[in-house]
Amino acid sequence: MQEGLRALGEEAANRQRQDRAYFLDLLGDSQCGLGRHEAAIEAYREAAQGFEAQGARCSYALCLLKIADGYLSLHEPWHAIGYLEACLPLLRELGLTRHFSIAQGLLTACRAELAQAGLLGEGRAGPRRDRARPTRPARSAPPPQAARSAPLPQAARSAPLPQAARSAPLPPGRG
């Protein structure tokens, strides 16, 4: 009898974790719809961690794509690129062709923008001194050291990421 109660308790706890991840995913969608992209990214990160822990690979991959989209909404492609590179193999493997095509197009656009800004290619040194640097809005330039040193959250570590992808800052009090 106690084993049955224990199993029910474990099942309820697992269900609660699953419900929390789905709630956080919906919260991220709501925050995104309200234009609160930083709050959406945080909700998606927590949801992705929950989905990864549950083995919910489809939901995990879609959360990574949503995180990347949030960073693109903030005009921060250097943060988005790692999440796109992490979700692409999962989307392909899961057969989510529409989402795969979207992610691939976003990754191509991110790489082009970063290459134009001199942040991709021959390291992160930037463009050669004899070329004029393109004019960028203030939010388009990565923060000096913090963006290069902060690791990705645990949720985005299941696929190998390039150095540029490891630039997403963790929110205060995380990691």
N, C-alpha and C. Protein backbone atom coordinates (compact mmCIF):
# COMPACT_ATOMS: atom_id res chain seq x y z
N MET A 1 0.82 -1.19 0.00
CA MET A 1 0.00 0.00 0.00
C MET A 1 0.87 1.26 0.00
N GLN A 2 1.93 1.25 0.82
CA GLN A 2 2.81 2.42 0.87
C GLN A 2 3.53 2.62 -0.46
N GLU A 3 3.87 1.52 -1.14
CA GLU A 3 4.52 1.64 -2.44
C GLU A 3 3.60 2.32 -3.44
N GLY A 4 2.32 1.98 -3.39
CA GLY A 4 1.33 2.60 -4.27
C GLY A 4 1.19 4.09 -4.00
N LEU A 5 1.19 4.47 -2.74
CA LEU A 5 1.11 5.89 -2.37
C LEU A 5 2.37 6.63 -2.80
N ARG A 6 3.51 5.96 -2.63
CA ARG A 6 4.78 6.58 -3.03
C ARG A 6 4.79 6.80 -4.54
N ALA A 7 4.34 5.82 -5.30
CA ALA A 7 4.28 5.95 -6.75
C ALA A 7 3.35 7.07 -7.17
N LEU A 8 2.21 7.20 -6.48
CA LEU A 8 1.30 8.30 -6.78
C LEU A 8 1.95 9.65 -6.48
N GLY A 9 2.71 9.72 -5.39
CA GLY A 9 3.41 10.96 -5.04
C GLY A 9 4.46 11.33 -6.06
N GLU A 10 5.20 10.34 -6.53
CA GLU A 10 6.22 10.59 -7.55
C GLU A 10 5.58 11.02 -8.86
N GLU A 11 4.48 10.36 -9.20
CA GLU A 11 3.76 10.72 -10.42
C GLU A 11 3.23 12.16 -10.34
N ALA A 12 2.72 12.52 -9.18
CA ALA A 12 2.21 13.89 -8.99
C ALA A 12 3.34 14.90 -9.08
N ALA A 13 4.50 14.56 -8.51
CA ALA A 13 5.65 15.48 -8.56
C ALA A 13 6.14 15.64 -10.00
N ASN A 14 6.19 14.54 -10.75
CA ASN A 14 6.60 14.62 -12.15
C ASN A 14 5.61 15.46 -12.96
N ARG A 15 4.35 15.27 -12.70
CA ARG A 15 3.31 16.03 -13.40
C ARG A 15 3.43 17.52 -13.09
N GLN A 16 3.76 17.82 -11.83
CA GLN A 16 3.91 19.21 -11.43
C GLN A 16 5.09 19.86 -12.17
N ARG A 17 6.20 19.15 -12.29
CA ARG A 17 7.36 19.68 -13.02
C ARG A 17 7.01 19.90 -14.49
N GLN A 18 6.28 18.94 -15.06
CA GLN A 18 5.88 19.07 -16.45
C GLN A 18 4.94 20.27 -16.63
N ASP A 19 3.97 20.39 -15.74
CA ASP A 19 3.04 21.52 -15.80
C ASP A 19 3.79 22.84 -15.67
N ARG A 20 4.79 22.90 -14.79
CA ARG A 20 5.57 24.13 -14.60
C ARG A 20 6.28 24.52 -15.89
N ALA A 21 6.89 23.55 -16.56
CA ALA A 21 7.60 23.85 -17.80
C ALA A 21 6.64 24.39 -18.86
N TYR A 22 5.47 23.76 -18.99
CA TYR A 22 4.49 24.24 -19.97
C TYR A 22 3.96 25.62 -19.58
N PHE A 23 3.76 25.84 -18.29
CA PHE A 23 3.32 27.16 -17.82
C PHE A 23 4.36 28.22 -18.19
N LEU A 24 5.64 27.92 -17.93
CA LEU A 24 6.70 28.88 -18.23
C LEU A 24 6.78 29.16 -19.73
N ASP A 25 6.56 28.14 -20.55
CA ASP A 25 6.55 28.33 -21.99
C ASP A 25 5.42 29.28 -22.40
N LEU A 26 4.24 29.07 -21.84
CA LEU A 26 3.11 29.97 -22.13
C LEU A 26 3.35 31.37 -21.58
N LEU A 27 3.97 31.45 -20.42
CA LEU A 27 4.32 32.76 -19.85
C LEU A 27 5.27 33.49 -20.79
N GLY A 28 6.25 32.78 -21.32
CA GLY A 28 7.17 33.39 -22.28
C GLY A 28 6.44 33.89 -23.51
N ASP A 29 5.49 33.10 -24.00
CA ASP A 29 4.69 33.54 -25.16
C ASP A 29 3.93 34.82 -24.83
N SER A 30 3.36 34.89 -23.64
CA SER A 30 2.61 36.08 -23.24
C SER A 30 3.53 37.29 -23.11
N GLN A 31 4.67 37.09 -22.47
CA GLN A 31 5.63 38.20 -22.31
C GLN A 31 6.11 38.70 -23.67
N CYS A 32 6.36 37.77 -24.56
CA CYS A 32 6.79 38.13 -25.91
C CYS A 32 5.71 38.95 -26.61
N GLY A 33 4.47 38.52 -26.50
CA GLY A 33 3.36 39.24 -27.10
C GLY A 33 3.19 40.65 -26.56
N LEU A 34 3.61 40.84 -25.32
CA LEU A 34 3.54 42.17 -24.71
C LEU A 34 4.79 43.01 -24.98
N GLY A 35 5.73 42.45 -25.72
CA GLY A 35 6.96 43.17 -26.03
C GLY A 35 7.99 43.13 -24.92
N ARG A 36 7.79 42.28 -23.95
CA ARG A 36 8.73 42.14 -22.82
C ARG A 36 9.68 40.98 -23.11
N HIS A 37 10.58 41.22 -24.05
CA HIS A 37 11.42 40.15 -24.58
C HIS A 37 12.41 39.59 -23.57
N GLU A 38 12.95 40.42 -22.70
CA GLU A 38 13.89 39.91 -21.69
C GLU A 38 13.18 38.97 -20.72
N ALA A 39 11.97 39.33 -20.29
CA ALA A 39 11.19 38.46 -19.40
C ALA A 39 10.79 37.18 -20.14
N ALA A 40 10.48 37.29 -21.42
CA ALA A 40 10.13 36.11 -22.22
C ALA A 40 11.31 35.16 -22.30
N ILE A 41 12.50 35.70 -22.54
CA ILE A 41 13.71 34.87 -22.64
C ILE A 41 13.93 34.11 -21.34
N GLU A 42 13.78 34.80 -20.23
CA GLU A 42 13.97 34.15 -18.92
C GLU A 42 12.96 33.02 -18.72
N ALA A 43 11.71 33.25 -19.06
CA ALA A 43 10.68 32.21 -18.92
C ALA A 43 10.99 31.03 -19.85
N TYR A 44 11.39 31.32 -21.08
CA TYR A 44 11.72 30.25 -22.02
C TYR A 44 12.93 29.45 -21.54
N ARG A 45 13.92 30.11 -20.96
CA ARG A 45 15.09 29.40 -20.45
C ARG A 45 14.70 28.41 -19.36
N GLU A 46 13.88 28.86 -18.43
CA GLU A 46 13.44 27.97 -17.36
C GLU A 46 12.59 26.84 -17.91
N ALA A 47 11.73 27.15 -18.87
CA ALA A 47 10.91 26.11 -19.49
C ALA A 47 11.80 25.10 -20.20
N ALA A 48 12.80 25.59 -20.92
CA ALA A 48 13.71 24.69 -21.65
C ALA A 48 14.44 23.76 -20.68
N GLN A 49 14.85 24.27 -19.55
CA GLN A 49 15.50 23.43 -18.55
C GLN A 49 14.56 22.33 -18.07
N GLY A 50 13.31 22.69 -17.83
CA GLY A 50 12.32 21.70 -17.41
C GLY A 50 12.05 20.67 -18.48
N PHE A 51 11.93 21.12 -19.72
CA PHE A 51 11.67 20.19 -20.82
C PHE A 51 12.85 19.25 -21.03
N GLU A 52 14.04 19.79 -20.90
CA GLU A 52 15.24 18.95 -21.07
C GLU A 52 15.29 17.89 -19.97
N ALA A 53 15.01 18.29 -18.75
CA ALA A 53 15.03 17.34 -17.63
C ALA A 53 13.99 16.24 -17.82
N GLN A 54 12.87 16.55 -18.45
CA GLN A 54 11.80 15.58 -18.68
C GLN A 54 12.04 14.72 -19.92
N GLY A 55 13.00 15.14 -20.74
CA GLY A 55 13.22 14.44 -21.99
C GLY A 55 12.22 14.83 -23.06
N ALA A 56 11.57 15.97 -22.90
CA ALA A 56 10.59 16.48 -23.87
C ALA A 56 11.36 17.25 -24.95
N ARG A 57 11.97 16.51 -25.87
CA ARG A 57 12.90 17.09 -26.84
C ARG A 57 12.25 18.07 -27.80
N CYS A 58 11.03 17.82 -28.19
CA CYS A 58 10.34 18.73 -29.11
C CYS A 58 10.11 20.08 -28.44
N SER A 59 9.55 20.06 -27.24
CA SER A 59 9.29 21.30 -26.51
C SER A 59 10.60 22.02 -26.19
N TYR A 60 11.64 21.25 -25.87
CA TYR A 60 12.95 21.81 -25.58
C TYR A 60 13.49 22.55 -26.82
N ALA A 61 13.45 21.89 -27.97
CA ALA A 61 13.95 22.49 -29.21
C ALA A 61 13.18 23.76 -29.55
N LEU A 62 11.87 23.73 -29.38
CA LEU A 62 11.06 24.91 -29.69
C LEU A 62 11.34 26.05 -28.73
N CYS A 63 11.63 25.73 -27.47
CA CYS A 63 12.00 26.79 -26.51
C CYS A 63 13.33 27.44 -26.91
N LEU A 64 14.29 26.63 -27.37
CA LEU A 64 15.56 27.20 -27.83
C LEU A 64 15.32 28.16 -28.99
N LEU A 65 14.43 27.78 -29.90
CA LEU A 65 14.10 28.64 -31.03
C LEU A 65 13.44 29.93 -30.54
N LYS A 66 12.57 29.82 -29.56
CA LYS A 66 11.90 31.01 -29.01
C LYS A 66 12.89 31.93 -28.29
N ILE A 67 13.87 31.35 -27.61
CA ILE A 67 14.90 32.16 -26.95
C ILE A 67 15.66 32.94 -28.02
N ALA A 68 16.05 32.26 -29.08
CA ALA A 68 16.76 32.93 -30.17
C ALA A 68 15.92 34.06 -30.75
N ASP A 69 14.64 33.80 -30.97
CA ASP A 69 13.75 34.82 -31.51
C ASP A 69 13.65 36.02 -30.56
N GLY A 70 13.65 35.75 -29.26
CA GLY A 70 13.63 36.84 -28.28
C GLY A 70 14.86 37.72 -28.39
N TYR A 71 16.03 37.08 -28.53
CA TYR A 71 17.25 37.86 -28.68
C TYR A 71 17.26 38.65 -29.99
N LEU A 72 16.68 38.07 -31.04
CA LEU A 72 16.59 38.81 -32.30
C LEU A 72 15.65 40.00 -32.16
N SER A 73 14.60 39.86 -31.37
CA SER A 73 13.70 40.99 -31.12
C SER A 73 14.41 42.10 -30.36
N LEU A 74 15.41 41.73 -29.59
CA LEU A 74 16.22 42.73 -28.86
C LEU A 74 17.39 43.23 -29.71
N HIS A 75 17.47 42.77 -30.96
CA HIS A 75 18.55 43.15 -31.88
C HIS A 75 19.90 42.69 -31.34
N GLU A 76 19.94 41.45 -30.83
CA GLU A 76 21.17 40.88 -30.29
C GLU A 76 21.45 39.53 -30.96
N PRO A 77 21.84 39.55 -32.23
CA PRO A 77 22.05 38.29 -32.95
C PRO A 77 23.21 37.47 -32.38
N TRP A 78 24.16 38.09 -31.73
CA TRP A 78 25.29 37.35 -31.15
C TRP A 78 24.83 36.43 -30.03
N HIS A 79 23.71 36.73 -29.40
CA HIS A 79 23.15 35.82 -28.39
C HIS A 79 22.27 34.76 -29.05
N ALA A 80 21.58 35.13 -30.10
CA ALA A 80 20.63 34.23 -30.76
C ALA A 80 21.33 33.08 -31.49
N ILE A 81 22.50 33.33 -32.01
CA ILE A 81 23.15 32.37 -32.90
C ILE A 81 23.40 31.02 -32.22
N GLY A 82 23.81 31.01 -30.98
CA GLY A 82 24.07 29.75 -30.28
C GLY A 82 22.81 28.93 -30.06
N TYR A 83 21.73 29.61 -29.74
CA TYR A 83 20.46 28.91 -29.55
C TYR A 83 19.96 28.32 -30.86
N LEU A 84 20.15 29.06 -31.95
CA LEU A 84 19.74 28.54 -33.26
C LEU A 84 20.58 27.32 -33.64
N GLU A 85 21.88 27.40 -33.41
CA GLU A 85 22.75 26.27 -33.72
C GLU A 85 22.43 25.06 -32.84
N ALA A 86 21.96 25.30 -31.62
CA ALA A 86 21.61 24.20 -30.73
C ALA A 86 20.29 23.54 -31.12
N CYS A 87 19.33 24.33 -31.60
CA CYS A 87 18.01 23.75 -31.91
C CYS A 87 17.94 23.14 -33.30
N LEU A 88 18.75 23.58 -34.24
CA LEU A 88 18.66 23.06 -35.60
C LEU A 88 18.78 21.54 -35.71
N PRO A 89 19.79 20.90 -35.11
CA PRO A 89 19.87 19.44 -35.23
C PRO A 89 18.66 18.73 -34.61
N LEU A 90 18.16 19.28 -33.51
CA LEU A 90 16.99 18.69 -32.87
C LEU A 90 15.75 18.81 -33.75
N LEU A 91 15.57 19.99 -34.33
CA LEU A 91 14.41 20.20 -35.20
C LEU A 91 14.46 19.28 -36.41
N ARG A 92 15.65 19.11 -36.98
CA ARG A 92 15.81 18.21 -38.13
C ARG A 92 15.50 16.78 -37.71
N GLU A 93 16.10 16.34 -36.61
CA GLU A 93 15.91 14.97 -36.13
C GLU A 93 14.44 14.68 -35.82
N LEU A 94 13.74 15.67 -35.27
CA LEU A 94 12.34 15.48 -34.90
C LEU A 94 11.39 15.61 -36.10
N GLY A 95 11.94 16.03 -37.24
CA GLY A 95 11.11 16.16 -38.44
C GLY A 95 10.24 17.41 -38.46
N LEU A 96 10.62 18.42 -37.69
CA LEU A 96 9.85 19.67 -37.65
C LEU A 96 10.38 20.58 -38.76
N THR A 97 10.00 20.26 -39.99
CA THR A 97 10.59 20.91 -41.16
C THR A 97 10.28 22.40 -41.24
N ARG A 98 9.09 22.80 -40.88
CA ARG A 98 8.75 24.22 -40.94
C ARG A 98 9.61 25.01 -39.96
N HIS A 99 9.71 24.52 -38.73
CA HIS A 99 10.53 25.20 -37.73
C HIS A 99 12.00 25.13 -38.08
N PHE A 100 12.44 24.02 -38.66
CA PHE A 100 13.82 23.89 -39.09
C PHE A 100 14.15 24.95 -40.14
N SER A 101 13.25 25.12 -41.12
CA SER A 101 13.47 26.14 -42.17
C SER A 101 13.52 27.54 -41.58
N ILE A 102 12.64 27.81 -40.64
CA ILE A 102 12.63 29.13 -39.99
C ILE A 102 13.95 29.36 -39.26
N ALA A 103 14.36 28.38 -38.47
CA ALA A 103 15.60 28.51 -37.70
C ALA A 103 16.81 28.65 -38.61
N GLN A 104 16.82 27.89 -39.70
CA GLN A 104 17.94 27.97 -40.64
C GLN A 104 18.01 29.35 -41.28
N GLY A 105 16.85 29.91 -41.65
CA GLY A 105 16.83 31.26 -42.22
C GLY A 105 17.30 32.31 -41.22
N LEU A 106 16.88 32.17 -39.97
CA LEU A 106 17.31 33.11 -38.93
C LEU A 106 18.81 32.99 -38.68
N LEU A 107 19.33 31.76 -38.68
CA LEU A 107 20.77 31.56 -38.47
C LEU A 107 21.57 32.19 -39.60
N THR A 108 21.13 32.01 -40.82
CA THR A 108 21.80 32.61 -41.97
C THR A 108 21.81 34.13 -41.84
N ALA A 109 20.68 34.71 -41.45
CA ALA A 109 20.60 36.17 -41.28
C ALA A 109 21.50 36.64 -40.14
N CYS A 110 21.54 35.89 -39.05
CA CYS A 110 22.42 36.25 -37.92
C CYS A 110 23.88 36.24 -38.33
N ARG A 111 24.27 35.18 -39.01
CA ARG A 111 25.68 35.06 -39.44
C ARG A 111 26.04 36.20 -40.39
N ALA A 112 25.14 36.53 -41.30
CA ALA A 112 25.41 37.62 -42.23
C ALA A 112 25.56 38.94 -41.49
N GLU A 113 24.68 39.19 -40.53
CA GLU A 113 24.76 40.44 -39.76
C GLU A 113 26.04 40.51 -38.94
N LEU A 114 26.40 39.39 -38.30
CA LEU A 114 27.61 39.37 -37.49
C LEU A 114 28.86 39.48 -38.36
N ALA A 115 28.85 38.87 -39.52
CA ALA A 115 29.99 38.97 -40.43
C ALA A 115 30.14 40.41 -40.91
N GLN A 116 29.02 41.05 -41.21
CA GLN A 116 29.06 42.44 -41.66
C GLN A 116 29.62 43.34 -40.57
N ALA A 117 29.29 43.03 -39.32
CA ALA A 117 29.78 43.83 -38.20
C ALA A 117 31.20 43.43 -37.80
N GLY A 118 31.73 42.39 -38.42
CA GLY A 118 33.09 41.96 -38.11
C GLY A 118 33.16 41.09 -36.88
N LEU A 119 32.05 40.48 -36.48
CA LEU A 119 32.05 39.65 -35.28
C LEU A 119 32.12 38.16 -35.60
N LEU A 120 32.13 37.79 -36.88
CA LEU A 120 32.29 36.40 -37.29
C LEU A 120 33.42 36.34 -38.29
N GLY A 121 33.89 35.17 -38.51
CA GLY A 121 34.95 35.00 -39.51
C GLY A 121 36.26 34.73 -38.82
N GLU A 122 37.18 35.64 -38.90
CA GLU A 122 38.51 35.46 -38.35
C GLU A 122 38.52 35.84 -36.88
N GLY A 123 37.78 35.15 -36.07
CA GLY A 123 37.75 35.46 -34.64
C GLY A 123 36.85 36.64 -34.36
N ARG A 124 36.94 37.13 -33.14
CA ARG A 124 36.08 38.23 -32.71
C ARG A 124 36.81 39.56 -32.72
N ALA A 125 37.92 39.62 -33.42
CA ALA A 125 38.72 40.84 -33.41
C ALA A 125 38.04 41.99 -34.14
N GLY A 126 37.09 41.69 -34.99
CA GLY A 126 36.40 42.75 -35.70
C GLY A 126 37.02 42.98 -37.06
N PRO A 127 36.54 44.01 -37.75
CA PRO A 127 37.03 44.27 -39.10
C PRO A 127 38.45 44.80 -39.08
N ARG A 128 39.10 44.68 -40.22
CA ARG A 128 40.46 45.22 -40.33
C ARG A 128 40.39 46.73 -40.19
N ARG A 129 41.47 47.31 -39.73
CA ARG A 129 41.52 48.76 -39.46
C ARG A 129 41.35 49.60 -40.72
N ASP A 130 41.70 49.07 -41.89
CA ASP A 130 41.62 49.89 -43.09
C ASP A 130 40.20 49.93 -43.67
N ARG A 131 39.27 49.18 -43.09
CA ARG A 131 37.88 49.22 -43.53
C ARG A 131 37.05 50.01 -42.54
N ALA A 132 36.10 50.75 -43.06
CA ALA A 132 35.22 51.51 -42.17
C ALA A 132 34.25 50.55 -41.49
N ARG A 133 34.03 50.76 -40.23
CA ARG A 133 33.08 49.94 -39.47
C ARG A 133 31.67 50.43 -39.79
N PRO A 134 30.74 49.49 -40.07
CA PRO A 134 29.36 49.92 -40.37
C PRO A 134 28.73 50.59 -39.15
N THR A 135 27.87 51.55 -39.43
CA THR A 135 27.16 52.23 -38.36
C THR A 135 26.10 51.30 -37.80
N ARG A 136 26.07 51.12 -36.49
CA ARG A 136 25.13 50.21 -35.84
C ARG A 136 24.37 50.96 -34.76
N PRO A 137 23.14 50.57 -34.50
CA PRO A 137 22.44 51.13 -33.34
C PRO A 137 23.14 50.72 -32.06
N ALA A 138 22.91 51.45 -30.99
CA ALA A 138 23.61 51.21 -29.73
C ALA A 138 23.44 49.79 -29.22
N ARG A 139 22.26 49.17 -29.35
CA ARG A 139 22.02 47.82 -28.81
C ARG A 139 22.63 46.74 -29.70
N SER A 140 23.13 47.08 -30.89
CA SER A 140 23.64 46.06 -31.79
C SER A 140 25.07 45.65 -31.49
N ALA A 141 25.76 46.39 -30.66
CA ALA A 141 27.14 46.02 -30.33
C ALA A 141 27.14 45.21 -29.05
N PRO A 142 27.90 44.10 -29.01
CA PRO A 142 27.89 43.29 -27.80
C PRO A 142 28.58 44.00 -26.65
N PRO A 143 28.14 43.75 -25.42
CA PRO A 143 28.84 44.30 -24.28
C PRO A 143 30.27 43.80 -24.29
N PRO A 144 31.24 44.62 -23.91
CA PRO A 144 32.65 44.30 -24.08
C PRO A 144 33.07 42.91 -23.57
N GLN A 145 33.24 42.69 -22.31
CA GLN A 145 33.76 41.43 -21.82
C GLN A 145 32.67 40.47 -21.41
N ALA A 146 31.60 40.95 -20.81
CA ALA A 146 30.56 40.07 -20.27
C ALA A 146 29.96 39.18 -21.35
N ALA A 147 29.76 39.71 -22.54
CA ALA A 147 29.13 38.93 -23.59
C ALA A 147 30.04 37.82 -24.09
N ARG A 148 31.34 37.97 -23.91
CA ARG A 148 32.25 36.94 -24.39
C ARG A 148 32.53 35.87 -23.36
N SER A 149 32.21 36.12 -22.09
CA SER A 149 32.62 35.17 -21.07
C SER A 149 31.49 34.41 -20.40
N ALA A 150 30.26 34.89 -20.45
CA ALA A 150 29.17 34.22 -19.75
C ALA A 150 28.74 32.97 -20.50
N PRO A 151 28.63 31.84 -19.83
CA PRO A 151 28.23 30.60 -20.51
C PRO A 151 26.73 30.57 -20.76
N LEU A 152 26.33 29.69 -21.66
CA LEU A 152 24.91 29.47 -21.90
C LEU A 152 24.31 28.76 -20.71
N PRO A 153 23.02 28.89 -20.51
CA PRO A 153 22.38 28.13 -19.43
C PRO A 153 22.45 26.64 -19.73
N GLN A 154 22.29 25.83 -18.69
CA GLN A 154 22.35 24.37 -18.83
C GLN A 154 21.42 23.88 -19.94
N ALA A 155 20.29 24.54 -20.11
CA ALA A 155 19.30 24.08 -21.08
C ALA A 155 19.81 24.10 -22.51
N ALA A 156 20.78 24.93 -22.81
CA ALA A 156 21.25 25.03 -24.19
C ALA A 156 22.56 24.30 -24.40
N ARG A 157 22.98 23.47 -23.45
CA ARG A 157 24.27 22.81 -23.57
C ARG A 157 24.22 21.41 -24.16
N SER A 158 23.07 20.91 -24.56
CA SER A 158 23.01 19.53 -25.05
C SER A 158 23.58 19.39 -26.44
N ALA A 159 23.66 20.45 -27.20
CA ALA A 159 24.29 20.40 -28.52
C ALA A 159 25.56 21.24 -28.47
N PRO A 160 26.60 20.82 -29.18
CA PRO A 160 27.84 21.60 -29.14
C PRO A 160 27.63 22.98 -29.75
N LEU A 161 28.16 23.99 -29.08
CA LEU A 161 27.98 25.36 -29.52
C LEU A 161 29.32 26.02 -29.80
N PRO A 162 29.37 26.89 -30.80
CA PRO A 162 30.60 27.62 -31.07
C PRO A 162 30.83 28.69 -30.01
N GLN A 163 32.02 29.24 -29.99
CA GLN A 163 32.35 30.26 -29.00
C GLN A 163 31.40 31.44 -29.05
N ALA A 164 30.98 31.85 -30.25
CA ALA A 164 30.05 32.99 -30.36
C ALA A 164 28.74 32.70 -29.67
N ALA A 165 28.37 31.43 -29.60
CA ALA A 165 27.10 31.07 -28.99
C ALA A 165 27.17 31.10 -27.47
N ARG A 166 28.35 31.08 -26.92
CA ARG A 166 28.49 31.04 -25.47
C ARG A 166 28.46 32.43 -24.86
N SER A 167 27.92 33.39 -25.58
CA SER A 167 27.95 34.77 -25.12
C SER A 167 26.68 35.22 -24.44
N ALA A 168 25.67 34.38 -24.37
CA ALA A 168 24.40 34.80 -23.76
C ALA A 168 24.58 34.99 -22.26
N PRO A 169 24.29 36.18 -21.75
CA PRO A 169 24.48 36.41 -20.33
C PRO A 169 23.39 35.72 -19.52
N LEU A 170 23.76 35.24 -18.37
CA LEU A 170 22.78 34.67 -17.46
C LEU A 170 22.12 35.81 -16.70
N PRO A 171 20.85 35.69 -16.38
CA PRO A 171 20.20 36.74 -15.61
C PRO A 171 20.79 36.80 -14.20
N PRO A 172 20.68 37.93 -13.52
CA PRO A 172 21.23 38.05 -12.17
C PRO A 172 20.71 36.95 -11.27
N GLY A 173 21.60 36.39 -10.48
CA GLY A 173 21.23 35.36 -9.52
C GLY A 173 21.16 33.97 -10.11
N ARG A 174 21.50 33.80 -11.39
CA ARG A 174 21.47 32.48 -12.04
C ARG A 174 22.90 32.02 -12.27
N GLY A 175 23.09 30.69 -12.31
CA GLY A 175 24.38 30.09 -12.70
C GLY A 175 25.32 30.18 -11.66
